[in-house]
């Protein structure tokens, strides 16, 4: 990951993370063909926010018969120095968390990312 980050020009990057959450056997079947963890890197916070929105919409559309509730995990965001957004996608039928989406920010201070 550090090689990718160092490849980027600029002093700030935003990483959108999608991760499946919990016991995958209890998840909506339509999501089983998605990778359990994916990342996208952006140089602009607005691009990262738009990507998180589009990823969330695409996942909702993929869940053909199910409805997903989106919960903003403000507690995680407030406790973290680098997480700007934390969302939980919850199956409304049984309240199981299907996935989480995070946006993390990193700033380059000299040669070090923090």
C-alpha atoms as a PDB file:
ATOM      1  CA  UNK A   1       0.000   0.000   0.000  1.00  0.00           C
ATOM      2  CA  UNK A   2       2.796   2.444   0.817  1.00  0.00           C
ATOM      3  CA  UNK A   3       4.126   2.098  -2.743  1.00  0.00           C
ATOM      4  CA  UNK A   4       0.748   3.149  -4.134  1.00  0.00           C
ATOM      5  CA  UNK A   5       0.479   6.051  -1.721  1.00  0.00           C
ATOM      6  CA  UNK A   6       4.010   7.223  -2.564  1.00  0.00           C
ATOM      7  CA  UNK A   7       3.138   7.063  -6.268  1.00  0.00           C
ATOM      8  CA  UNK A   8       0.463   9.707  -5.790  1.00  0.00           C
ATOM      9  CA  UNK A   9       1.437  13.291  -6.225  1.00  0.00           C
ATOM     10  CA  UNK A  10       0.155  15.858  -3.791  1.00  0.00           C
ATOM     11  CA  UNK A  11       0.158  15.966  -0.037  1.00  0.00           C
ATOM     12  CA  UNK A  12      -3.305  14.620   0.815  1.00  0.00           C
ATOM     13  CA  UNK A  13      -5.123  11.485  -0.312  1.00  0.00           C
ATOM     14  CA  UNK A  14      -8.517   9.996   0.495  1.00  0.00           C
ATOM     15  CA  UNK A  15      -9.103   6.246   0.519  1.00  0.00           C
ATOM     16  CA  UNK A  16     -12.583   4.787   0.142  1.00  0.00           C
ATOM     17  CA  UNK A  17     -12.792   1.331   1.734  1.00  0.00           C
ATOM     18  CA  UNK A  18     -15.601  -1.161   1.191  1.00  0.00           C
ATOM     19  CA  UNK A  19     -15.573  -4.181   3.474  1.00  0.00           C
ATOM     20  CA  UNK A  20     -18.028  -6.986   4.076  1.00  0.00           C
ATOM     21  CA  UNK A  21     -18.859  -7.236   7.749  1.00  0.00           C
ATOM     22  CA  UNK A  22     -19.653 -10.109  10.087  1.00  0.00           C
ATOM     23  CA  UNK A  23     -20.570 -13.684   9.183  1.00  0.00           C
ATOM     24  CA  UNK A  24     -20.806 -13.857   5.382  1.00  0.00           C
ATOM     25  CA  UNK A  25     -23.157 -16.860   5.559  1.00  0.00           C
ATOM     26  CA  UNK A  26     -25.893 -14.566   6.872  1.00  0.00           C
ATOM     27  CA  UNK A  27     -25.467 -11.996   4.131  1.00  0.00           C
ATOM     28  CA  UNK A  28     -27.742 -11.138   1.252  1.00  0.00           C
ATOM     29  CA  UNK A  29     -26.999 -13.689  -1.455  1.00  0.00           C
ATOM     30  CA  UNK A  30     -26.775 -11.044  -4.193  1.00  0.00           C
ATOM     31  CA  UNK A  31     -23.657  -9.643  -2.508  1.00  0.00           C
ATOM     32  CA  UNK A  32     -21.742 -12.918  -2.375  1.00  0.00           C
ATOM     33  CA  UNK A  33     -19.967 -12.341  -5.685  1.00  0.00           C
ATOM     34  CA  UNK A  34     -18.420  -9.065  -4.469  1.00  0.00           C
ATOM     35  CA  UNK A  35     -14.907  -9.037  -3.102  1.00  0.00           C
ATOM     36  CA  UNK A  36     -14.996  -8.822   0.702  1.00  0.00           C
ATOM     37  CA  UNK A  37     -12.592  -5.854   0.705  1.00  0.00           C
ATOM     38  CA  UNK A  38     -11.996  -3.158  -1.893  1.00  0.00           C
ATOM     39  CA  UNK A  39     -10.214   0.192  -1.908  1.00  0.00           C
ATOM     40  CA  UNK A  40     -10.169   3.239  -4.165  1.00  0.00           C
ATOM     41  CA  UNK A  41      -7.739   6.144  -3.813  1.00  0.00           C
ATOM     42  CA  UNK A  42      -8.614   9.761  -4.614  1.00  0.00           C
ATOM     43  CA  UNK A  43      -6.790  13.066  -4.426  1.00  0.00           C
ATOM     44  CA  UNK A  44      -9.925  15.107  -3.755  1.00  0.00           C
ATOM     45  CA  UNK A  45     -12.374  14.730  -0.849  1.00  0.00           C
ATOM     46  CA  UNK A  46     -15.381  15.524  -3.064  1.00  0.00           C
ATOM     47  CA  UNK A  47     -14.407  12.717  -5.468  1.00  0.00           C
ATOM     48  CA  UNK A  48     -14.080  10.318  -2.526  1.00  0.00           C
ATOM     49  CA  UNK A  49     -17.503  11.326  -1.170  1.00  0.00           C
ATOM     50  CA  UNK A  50     -19.109  10.913  -4.596  1.00  0.00           C
ATOM     51  CA  UNK A  51     -17.456   7.499  -4.983  1.00  0.00           C
ATOM     52  CA  UNK A  52     -18.778   6.373  -1.588  1.00  0.00           C
ATOM     53  CA  UNK A  53     -22.248   7.527  -2.612  1.00  0.00           C
ATOM     54  CA  UNK A  54     -22.090   5.697  -5.953  1.00  0.00           C
ATOM     55  CA  UNK A  55     -20.728   2.518  -4.344  1.00  0.00           C
ATOM     56  CA  UNK A  56     -23.573   2.596  -1.813  1.00  0.00           C
ATOM     57  CA  UNK A  57     -26.159   3.083  -4.579  1.00  0.00           C
ATOM     58  CA  UNK A  58     -24.654   0.252  -6.652  1.00  0.00           C
ATOM     59  CA  UNK A  59     -24.776  -2.118  -3.673  1.00  0.00           C
ATOM     60  CA  UNK A  60     -28.393  -1.164  -2.968  1.00  0.00           C
ATOM     61  CA  UNK A  61     -29.298  -1.862  -6.615  1.00  0.00           C
ATOM     62  CA  UNK A  62     -27.460  -5.202  -6.526  1.00  0.00           C
ATOM     63  CA  UNK A  63     -29.617  -6.371  -3.602  1.00  0.00           C
ATOM     64  CA  UNK A  64     -32.603  -7.140  -5.809  1.00  0.00           C
ATOM     65  CA  UNK A  65     -35.255  -8.132  -3.293  1.00  0.00           C
ATOM     66  CA  UNK A  66     -33.708  -6.723  -0.146  1.00  0.00           C
ATOM     67  CA  UNK A  67     -33.700  -3.241   1.301  1.00  0.00           C
ATOM     68  CA  UNK A  68     -30.596  -1.829   2.894  1.00  0.00           C
ATOM     69  CA  UNK A  69     -30.650   0.780   5.596  1.00  0.00           C
ATOM     70  CA  UNK A  70     -27.655   3.121   5.690  1.00  0.00           C
ATOM     71  CA  UNK A  71     -26.395   4.119   9.122  1.00  0.00           C
ATOM     72  CA  UNK A  72     -23.788   6.835   9.642  1.00  0.00           C
ATOM     73  CA  UNK A  73     -21.400   5.645  12.372  1.00  0.00           C
ATOM     74  CA  UNK A  74     -20.607   9.045  13.824  1.00  0.00           C
ATOM     75  CA  UNK A  75     -19.022   7.521  16.931  1.00  0.00           C
ATOM     76  CA  UNK A  76     -16.295   5.860  14.869  1.00  0.00           C
ATOM     77  CA  UNK A  77     -15.695   9.054  12.924  1.00  0.00           C
ATOM     78  CA  UNK A  78     -15.426  11.154  16.093  1.00  0.00           C
ATOM     79  CA  UNK A  79     -12.977   8.725  17.729  1.00  0.00           C
ATOM     80  CA  UNK A  80     -10.657   8.522  14.733  1.00  0.00           C
ATOM     81  CA  UNK A  81      -8.071  10.982  13.533  1.00  0.00           C
ATOM     82  CA  UNK A  82      -8.186   9.779   9.933  1.00  0.00           C
ATOM     83  CA  UNK A  83     -11.717   8.454   9.271  1.00  0.00           C
ATOM     84  CA  UNK A  84     -13.893  11.136   7.676  1.00  0.00           C
ATOM     85  CA  UNK A  85     -16.954   8.985   6.977  1.00  0.00           C
ATOM     86  CA  UNK A  86     -18.105   5.629   8.279  1.00  0.00           C
ATOM     87  CA  UNK A  87     -21.271   3.985   6.967  1.00  0.00           C
ATOM     88  CA  UNK A  88     -22.932   0.694   7.791  1.00  0.00           C
ATOM     89  CA  UNK A  89     -25.198  -1.054   5.273  1.00  0.00           C
ATOM     90  CA  UNK A  90     -27.826  -3.051   7.157  1.00  0.00           C
ATOM     91  CA  UNK A  91     -30.324  -5.589   5.816  1.00  0.00           C
ATOM     92  CA  UNK A  92     -33.694  -4.225   6.946  1.00  0.00           C
ATOM     93  CA  UNK A  93     -35.235  -7.721   6.971  1.00  0.00           C
ATOM     94  CA  UNK A  94     -33.123  -9.011   9.861  1.00  0.00           C
ATOM     95  CA  UNK A  95     -30.935  -6.063  10.946  1.00  0.00           C
ATOM     96  CA  UNK A  96     -27.680  -7.794   9.969  1.00  0.00           C
ATOM     97  CA  UNK A  97     -24.790  -5.568   8.986  1.00  0.00           C
ATOM     98  CA  UNK A  98     -23.837  -6.446   5.420  1.00  0.00           C
ATOM     99  CA  UNK A  99     -20.935  -4.076   4.810  1.00  0.00           C
ATOM    100  CA  UNK A 100     -19.177  -0.937   5.895  1.00  0.00           C
ATOM    101  CA  UNK A 101     -17.838   1.921   3.824  1.00  0.00           C
ATOM    102  CA  UNK A 102     -15.142   4.200   5.173  1.00  0.00           C
ATOM    103  CA  UNK A 103     -13.341   7.250   3.861  1.00  0.00           C
ATOM    104  CA  UNK A 104      -9.933   7.785   5.399  1.00  0.00           C
ATOM    105  CA  UNK A 105      -7.642  10.755   4.838  1.00  0.00           C
ATOM    106  CA  UNK A 106      -3.863  10.840   4.887  1.00  0.00           C
ATOM    107  CA  UNK A 107      -1.556  13.829   4.704  1.00  0.00           C
ATOM    108  CA  UNK A 108       2.091  13.766   3.725  1.00  0.00           C
ATOM    109  CA  UNK A 109       4.375  15.527   6.202  1.00  0.00           C
ATOM    110  CA  UNK A 110       7.776  15.621   4.580  1.00  0.00           C
ATOM    111  CA  UNK A 111       8.419  12.007   3.554  1.00  0.00           C
ATOM    112  CA  UNK A 112       5.965  10.454   6.025  1.00  0.00           C
ATOM    113  CA  UNK A 113       2.221   9.800   5.518  1.00  0.00           C
ATOM    114  CA  UNK A 114       0.058  10.248   8.585  1.00  0.00           C
END
